Amino acid sequence: PITQIVRLVSVEPLIAAKLLHLANSVYYNPSGAVVRGLPEAITRLGVSLVRTTALAVAMNQLMRSKETAVFSEFTKVLWDHSLRAAAASRVLARKLTRVSPDEAMLAGLVHDLGAFYM
């Protein structure tokens, strides 16, 4: 339920801020009606995009972690590759398949997630 998602997201201010920013972007808000609360932002964006955004923020934070500073060049290349794979997956899913573009984007984003831990 949206209330549970709001409760979980509100614990992480960076994710909440990113979701509000997205919900108020021209792409998701062409009418210009400002969204000020998480429930409205999550409803406007949809659960799939919220999940993908939260994962992207978490992966970005992991990449910037002090513990991975030694591997900063590798993590930068891996992050760039993941973003490109996510974008390509979304476009291909939307144009060529019946797969949800948001799910395809999420799959593209996490397909090399294990590399961060290795």
N, C-alpha and C. Protein backbone atom coordinates (compact mmCIF):
# COMPACT_ATOMS: atom_id res chain seq x y z
N PRO A 1 0.83 -1.21 0.00
CA PRO A 1 0.00 0.00 0.00
C PRO A 1 0.86 1.27 0.00
N ILE A 2 0.34 2.32 -0.56
CA ILE A 2 1.05 3.59 -0.66
C ILE A 2 1.49 4.08 0.72
N THR A 3 0.65 3.91 1.74
CA THR A 3 1.01 4.40 3.08
C THR A 3 2.27 3.71 3.59
N GLN A 4 2.42 2.44 3.33
CA GLN A 4 3.62 1.72 3.76
C GLN A 4 4.84 2.18 2.96
N ILE A 5 4.67 2.41 1.69
CA ILE A 5 5.78 2.91 0.86
C ILE A 5 6.21 4.29 1.34
N VAL A 6 5.25 5.14 1.63
CA VAL A 6 5.54 6.49 2.15
C VAL A 6 6.33 6.38 3.45
N ARG A 7 5.90 5.49 4.34
CA ARG A 7 6.59 5.32 5.62
C ARG A 7 8.04 4.88 5.41
N LEU A 8 8.26 3.96 4.49
CA LEU A 8 9.61 3.46 4.22
C LEU A 8 10.48 4.53 3.56
N VAL A 9 9.92 5.23 2.59
CA VAL A 9 10.68 6.24 1.86
C VAL A 9 11.00 7.44 2.74
N SER A 10 10.09 7.80 3.61
CA SER A 10 10.30 8.99 4.44
C SER A 10 11.46 8.84 5.41
N VAL A 11 11.90 7.62 5.64
CA VAL A 11 13.05 7.37 6.52
C VAL A 11 14.36 7.81 5.85
N GLU A 12 14.38 7.83 4.53
CA GLU A 12 15.57 8.18 3.77
C GLU A 12 15.34 9.51 3.05
N PRO A 13 15.82 10.62 3.63
CA PRO A 13 15.55 11.95 3.06
C PRO A 13 16.05 12.14 1.63
N LEU A 14 17.16 11.54 1.28
CA LEU A 14 17.69 11.71 -0.07
C LEU A 14 16.76 11.10 -1.12
N ILE A 15 16.22 9.93 -0.82
CA ILE A 15 15.28 9.29 -1.73
C ILE A 15 13.98 10.10 -1.80
N ALA A 16 13.50 10.55 -0.66
CA ALA A 16 12.28 11.35 -0.63
C ALA A 16 12.45 12.63 -1.45
N ALA A 17 13.57 13.29 -1.30
CA ALA A 17 13.82 14.52 -2.06
C ALA A 17 13.89 14.24 -3.55
N LYS A 18 14.53 13.15 -3.93
CA LYS A 18 14.64 12.79 -5.34
C LYS A 18 13.26 12.50 -5.93
N LEU A 19 12.42 11.81 -5.18
CA LEU A 19 11.07 11.49 -5.66
C LEU A 19 10.23 12.75 -5.83
N LEU A 20 10.33 13.67 -4.88
CA LEU A 20 9.59 14.93 -5.00
C LEU A 20 10.09 15.73 -6.20
N HIS A 21 11.40 15.72 -6.40
CA HIS A 21 11.97 16.42 -7.54
C HIS A 21 11.46 15.82 -8.86
N LEU A 22 11.47 14.50 -8.95
CA LEU A 22 10.97 13.82 -10.15
C LEU A 22 9.49 14.10 -10.39
N ALA A 23 8.70 14.01 -9.33
CA ALA A 23 7.25 14.21 -9.45
C ALA A 23 6.92 15.62 -9.91
N ASN A 24 7.79 16.58 -9.63
CA ASN A 24 7.57 17.96 -10.04
C ASN A 24 8.29 18.33 -11.33
N SER A 25 8.95 17.36 -11.95
CA SER A 25 9.64 17.63 -13.21
C SER A 25 8.62 17.83 -14.34
N VAL A 26 9.05 18.45 -15.40
CA VAL A 26 8.16 18.72 -16.53
C VAL A 26 7.63 17.42 -17.13
N TYR A 27 8.45 16.39 -17.15
CA TYR A 27 8.04 15.12 -17.74
C TYR A 27 6.86 14.49 -16.99
N TYR A 28 6.93 14.48 -15.66
CA TYR A 28 5.88 13.86 -14.85
C TYR A 28 4.82 14.84 -14.38
N ASN A 29 5.03 16.13 -14.64
CA ASN A 29 4.10 17.16 -14.19
C ASN A 29 3.92 18.23 -15.26
N PRO A 30 3.41 17.86 -16.41
CA PRO A 30 3.28 18.85 -17.49
C PRO A 30 2.30 19.98 -17.16
N SER A 31 1.36 19.74 -16.25
CA SER A 31 0.39 20.79 -15.90
C SER A 31 0.98 21.83 -14.96
N GLY A 32 2.07 21.49 -14.28
CA GLY A 32 2.70 22.43 -13.36
C GLY A 32 2.11 22.44 -11.97
N ALA A 33 1.20 21.50 -11.67
CA ALA A 33 0.62 21.40 -10.33
C ALA A 33 1.67 20.85 -9.37
N VAL A 34 2.14 21.68 -8.46
CA VAL A 34 3.24 21.32 -7.58
C VAL A 34 2.82 20.23 -6.58
N VAL A 35 3.67 19.21 -6.47
CA VAL A 35 3.48 18.13 -5.50
C VAL A 35 4.38 18.45 -4.31
N ARG A 36 3.79 18.48 -3.11
CA ARG A 36 4.57 18.81 -1.92
C ARG A 36 4.72 17.65 -0.95
N GLY A 37 3.96 16.59 -1.15
CA GLY A 37 4.00 15.47 -0.22
C GLY A 37 4.37 14.16 -0.90
N LEU A 38 4.94 13.26 -0.12
CA LEU A 38 5.34 11.96 -0.65
C LEU A 38 4.18 11.12 -1.16
N PRO A 39 3.03 11.10 -0.49
CA PRO A 39 1.93 10.29 -1.03
C PRO A 39 1.55 10.69 -2.46
N GLU A 40 1.47 12.00 -2.70
CA GLU A 40 1.13 12.47 -4.03
C GLU A 40 2.24 12.16 -5.03
N ALA A 41 3.50 12.33 -4.61
CA ALA A 41 4.64 12.05 -5.49
C ALA A 41 4.67 10.58 -5.88
N ILE A 42 4.48 9.70 -4.92
CA ILE A 42 4.51 8.26 -5.19
C ILE A 42 3.34 7.85 -6.07
N THR A 43 2.19 8.42 -5.83
CA THR A 43 1.02 8.13 -6.67
C THR A 43 1.27 8.60 -8.10
N ARG A 44 1.83 9.78 -8.25
CA ARG A 44 2.08 10.32 -9.58
C ARG A 44 3.13 9.50 -10.34
N LEU A 45 4.18 9.08 -9.65
CA LEU A 45 5.28 8.37 -10.31
C LEU A 45 5.00 6.90 -10.53
N GLY A 46 4.27 6.30 -9.61
CA GLY A 46 4.01 4.86 -9.70
C GLY A 46 5.04 4.07 -8.91
N VAL A 47 4.64 2.92 -8.44
CA VAL A 47 5.47 2.09 -7.58
C VAL A 47 6.74 1.63 -8.28
N SER A 48 6.65 1.27 -9.54
CA SER A 48 7.83 0.78 -10.26
C SER A 48 8.91 1.84 -10.35
N LEU A 49 8.53 3.06 -10.70
CA LEU A 49 9.51 4.14 -10.80
C LEU A 49 10.07 4.50 -9.43
N VAL A 50 9.24 4.45 -8.40
CA VAL A 50 9.71 4.71 -7.04
C VAL A 50 10.76 3.68 -6.64
N ARG A 51 10.48 2.41 -6.93
CA ARG A 51 11.43 1.34 -6.62
C ARG A 51 12.74 1.54 -7.38
N THR A 52 12.65 1.85 -8.66
CA THR A 52 13.84 2.06 -9.47
C THR A 52 14.64 3.25 -8.99
N THR A 53 13.96 4.33 -8.66
CA THR A 53 14.63 5.53 -8.16
C THR A 53 15.33 5.26 -6.83
N ALA A 54 14.65 4.57 -5.93
CA ALA A 54 15.26 4.25 -4.63
C ALA A 54 16.51 3.39 -4.82
N LEU A 55 16.44 2.43 -5.71
CA LEU A 55 17.59 1.58 -5.98
C LEU A 55 18.72 2.38 -6.61
N ALA A 56 18.39 3.26 -7.53
CA ALA A 56 19.41 4.08 -8.18
C ALA A 56 20.11 4.98 -7.17
N VAL A 57 19.35 5.58 -6.27
CA VAL A 57 19.93 6.44 -5.23
C VAL A 57 20.84 5.61 -4.32
N ALA A 58 20.38 4.42 -3.93
CA ALA A 58 21.18 3.56 -3.07
C ALA A 58 22.47 3.12 -3.76
N MET A 59 22.38 2.76 -5.04
CA MET A 59 23.58 2.36 -5.78
C MET A 59 24.54 3.53 -5.92
N ASN A 60 24.00 4.71 -6.16
CA ASN A 60 24.85 5.90 -6.28
C ASN A 60 25.57 6.18 -4.95
N GLN A 61 24.86 6.03 -3.85
CA GLN A 61 25.47 6.21 -2.53
C GLN A 61 26.55 5.16 -2.28
N LEU A 62 26.28 3.93 -2.68
CA LEU A 62 27.26 2.87 -2.54
C LEU A 62 28.52 3.19 -3.34
N MET A 63 28.34 3.70 -4.54
CA MET A 63 29.47 4.05 -5.38
C MET A 63 30.30 5.17 -4.76
N ARG A 64 29.67 6.07 -4.06
CA ARG A 64 30.37 7.21 -3.46
C ARG A 64 30.89 6.92 -2.05
N SER A 65 30.68 5.73 -1.58
CA SER A 65 31.08 5.35 -0.23
C SER A 65 32.59 5.46 -0.05
N LYS A 66 33.01 5.85 1.13
CA LYS A 66 34.44 5.96 1.42
C LYS A 66 35.15 4.62 1.33
N GLU A 67 34.43 3.55 1.64
CA GLU A 67 35.04 2.23 1.58
C GLU A 67 35.40 1.83 0.16
N THR A 68 34.69 2.40 -0.82
CA THR A 68 34.97 2.05 -2.22
C THR A 68 35.83 3.10 -2.92
N ALA A 69 36.37 4.06 -2.17
CA ALA A 69 37.17 5.13 -2.76
C ALA A 69 38.36 4.58 -3.54
N VAL A 70 38.94 3.49 -3.06
CA VAL A 70 40.08 2.87 -3.74
C VAL A 70 39.68 2.42 -5.15
N PHE A 71 38.44 2.06 -5.31
CA PHE A 71 37.95 1.54 -6.58
C PHE A 71 37.13 2.58 -7.34
N SER A 72 37.36 3.86 -7.08
CA SER A 72 36.50 4.91 -7.62
C SER A 72 36.42 4.88 -9.15
N GLU A 73 37.50 4.64 -9.82
CA GLU A 73 37.46 4.60 -11.29
C GLU A 73 36.60 3.43 -11.77
N PHE A 74 36.78 2.28 -11.13
CA PHE A 74 35.98 1.11 -11.50
C PHE A 74 34.50 1.35 -11.23
N THR A 75 34.17 1.92 -10.08
CA THR A 75 32.76 2.15 -9.75
C THR A 75 32.14 3.18 -10.68
N LYS A 76 32.93 4.17 -11.10
CA LYS A 76 32.42 5.17 -12.04
C LYS A 76 32.08 4.52 -13.38
N VAL A 77 32.97 3.69 -13.87
CA VAL A 77 32.73 2.98 -15.13
C VAL A 77 31.53 2.04 -15.00
N LEU A 78 31.45 1.33 -13.88
CA LEU A 78 30.35 0.39 -13.65
C LEU A 78 29.02 1.13 -13.56
N TRP A 79 28.99 2.27 -12.87
CA TRP A 79 27.77 3.06 -12.74
C TRP A 79 27.33 3.57 -14.11
N ASP A 80 28.27 4.09 -14.89
CA ASP A 80 27.94 4.58 -16.22
C ASP A 80 27.38 3.45 -17.09
N HIS A 81 28.00 2.29 -17.01
CA HIS A 81 27.51 1.12 -17.76
C HIS A 81 26.10 0.74 -17.31
N SER A 82 25.85 0.75 -16.03
CA SER A 82 24.53 0.40 -15.50
C SER A 82 23.47 1.38 -15.97
N LEU A 83 23.79 2.67 -15.97
CA LEU A 83 22.83 3.68 -16.43
C LEU A 83 22.52 3.51 -17.91
N ARG A 84 23.55 3.23 -18.69
CA ARG A 84 23.34 3.02 -20.13
C ARG A 84 22.50 1.77 -20.39
N ALA A 85 22.80 0.70 -19.66
CA ALA A 85 22.04 -0.54 -19.81
C ALA A 85 20.58 -0.32 -19.40
N ALA A 86 20.36 0.43 -18.33
CA ALA A 86 19.00 0.72 -17.87
C ALA A 86 18.23 1.52 -18.91
N ALA A 87 18.86 2.55 -19.46
CA ALA A 87 18.20 3.37 -20.48
C ALA A 87 17.88 2.56 -21.73
N ALA A 88 18.84 1.77 -22.18
CA ALA A 88 18.62 0.95 -23.37
C ALA A 88 17.52 -0.08 -23.12
N SER A 89 17.52 -0.68 -21.95
CA SER A 89 16.50 -1.68 -21.61
C SER A 89 15.11 -1.07 -21.62
N ARG A 90 15.00 0.13 -21.10
CA ARG A 90 13.70 0.82 -21.07
C ARG A 90 13.20 1.11 -22.48
N VAL A 91 14.08 1.64 -23.33
CA VAL A 91 13.69 1.97 -24.70
C VAL A 91 13.31 0.71 -25.48
N LEU A 92 14.14 -0.33 -25.36
CA LEU A 92 13.84 -1.57 -26.08
C LEU A 92 12.53 -2.20 -25.61
N ALA A 93 12.31 -2.20 -24.32
CA ALA A 93 11.07 -2.78 -23.78
C ALA A 93 9.86 -2.01 -24.28
N ARG A 94 9.96 -0.69 -24.28
CA ARG A 94 8.82 0.13 -24.69
C ARG A 94 8.52 -0.03 -26.18
N LYS A 95 9.55 -0.15 -26.99
CA LYS A 95 9.34 -0.18 -28.44
C LYS A 95 9.16 -1.57 -29.03
N LEU A 96 9.76 -2.59 -28.40
CA LEU A 96 9.81 -3.90 -29.04
C LEU A 96 9.15 -5.04 -28.29
N THR A 97 8.74 -4.82 -27.04
CA THR A 97 8.20 -5.93 -26.25
C THR A 97 6.95 -5.50 -25.49
N ARG A 98 6.39 -6.45 -24.79
CA ARG A 98 5.27 -6.16 -23.89
C ARG A 98 5.74 -6.06 -22.44
N VAL A 99 7.04 -6.15 -22.23
CA VAL A 99 7.62 -6.04 -20.89
C VAL A 99 7.46 -4.59 -20.42
N SER A 100 7.16 -4.42 -19.14
CA SER A 100 7.03 -3.08 -18.57
C SER A 100 8.37 -2.33 -18.72
N PRO A 101 8.36 -1.14 -19.31
CA PRO A 101 9.60 -0.37 -19.44
C PRO A 101 10.28 -0.09 -18.10
N ASP A 102 9.47 0.13 -17.05
CA ASP A 102 10.06 0.38 -15.73
C ASP A 102 10.77 -0.87 -15.19
N GLU A 103 10.17 -2.04 -15.40
CA GLU A 103 10.81 -3.27 -14.95
C GLU A 103 12.07 -3.55 -15.75
N ALA A 104 12.03 -3.29 -17.04
CA ALA A 104 13.21 -3.48 -17.88
C ALA A 104 14.32 -2.53 -17.45
N MET A 105 13.96 -1.29 -17.13
CA MET A 105 14.95 -0.33 -16.67
C MET A 105 15.59 -0.79 -15.36
N LEU A 106 14.78 -1.28 -14.46
CA LEU A 106 15.30 -1.80 -13.19
C LEU A 106 16.26 -2.96 -13.43
N ALA A 107 15.88 -3.87 -14.32
CA ALA A 107 16.75 -5.00 -14.63
C ALA A 107 18.09 -4.52 -15.21
N GLY A 108 18.03 -3.55 -16.10
CA GLY A 108 19.26 -3.01 -16.66
C GLY A 108 20.12 -2.33 -15.61
N LEU A 109 19.48 -1.69 -14.65
CA LEU A 109 20.22 -0.99 -13.60
C LEU A 109 20.93 -1.96 -12.67
N VAL A 110 20.32 -3.09 -12.38
CA VAL A 110 20.90 -4.00 -11.38
C VAL A 110 21.63 -5.20 -11.98
N HIS A 111 21.72 -5.30 -13.28
CA HIS A 111 22.27 -6.51 -13.88
C HIS A 111 23.71 -6.78 -13.49
N ASP A 112 24.47 -5.76 -13.11
CA ASP A 112 25.85 -5.96 -12.65
C ASP A 112 26.04 -5.60 -11.18
N LEU A 113 24.97 -5.62 -10.42
CA LEU A 113 25.04 -5.21 -9.02
C LEU A 113 26.07 -5.99 -8.23
N GLY A 114 26.21 -7.27 -8.51
CA GLY A 114 27.18 -8.10 -7.79
C GLY A 114 28.61 -7.61 -7.93
N ALA A 115 28.92 -6.88 -8.99
CA ALA A 115 30.28 -6.37 -9.19
C ALA A 115 30.68 -5.39 -8.09
N PHE A 116 29.72 -4.66 -7.53
CA PHE A 116 30.03 -3.74 -6.44
C PHE A 116 30.55 -4.48 -5.21
N TYR A 117 30.02 -5.67 -4.99
CA TYR A 117 30.40 -6.42 -3.81
C TYR A 117 31.66 -7.24 -4.00
N MET A 118 31.95 -7.55 -5.25
CA MET A 118 33.15 -8.35 -5.52
C MET A 118 34.38 -7.49 -5.39
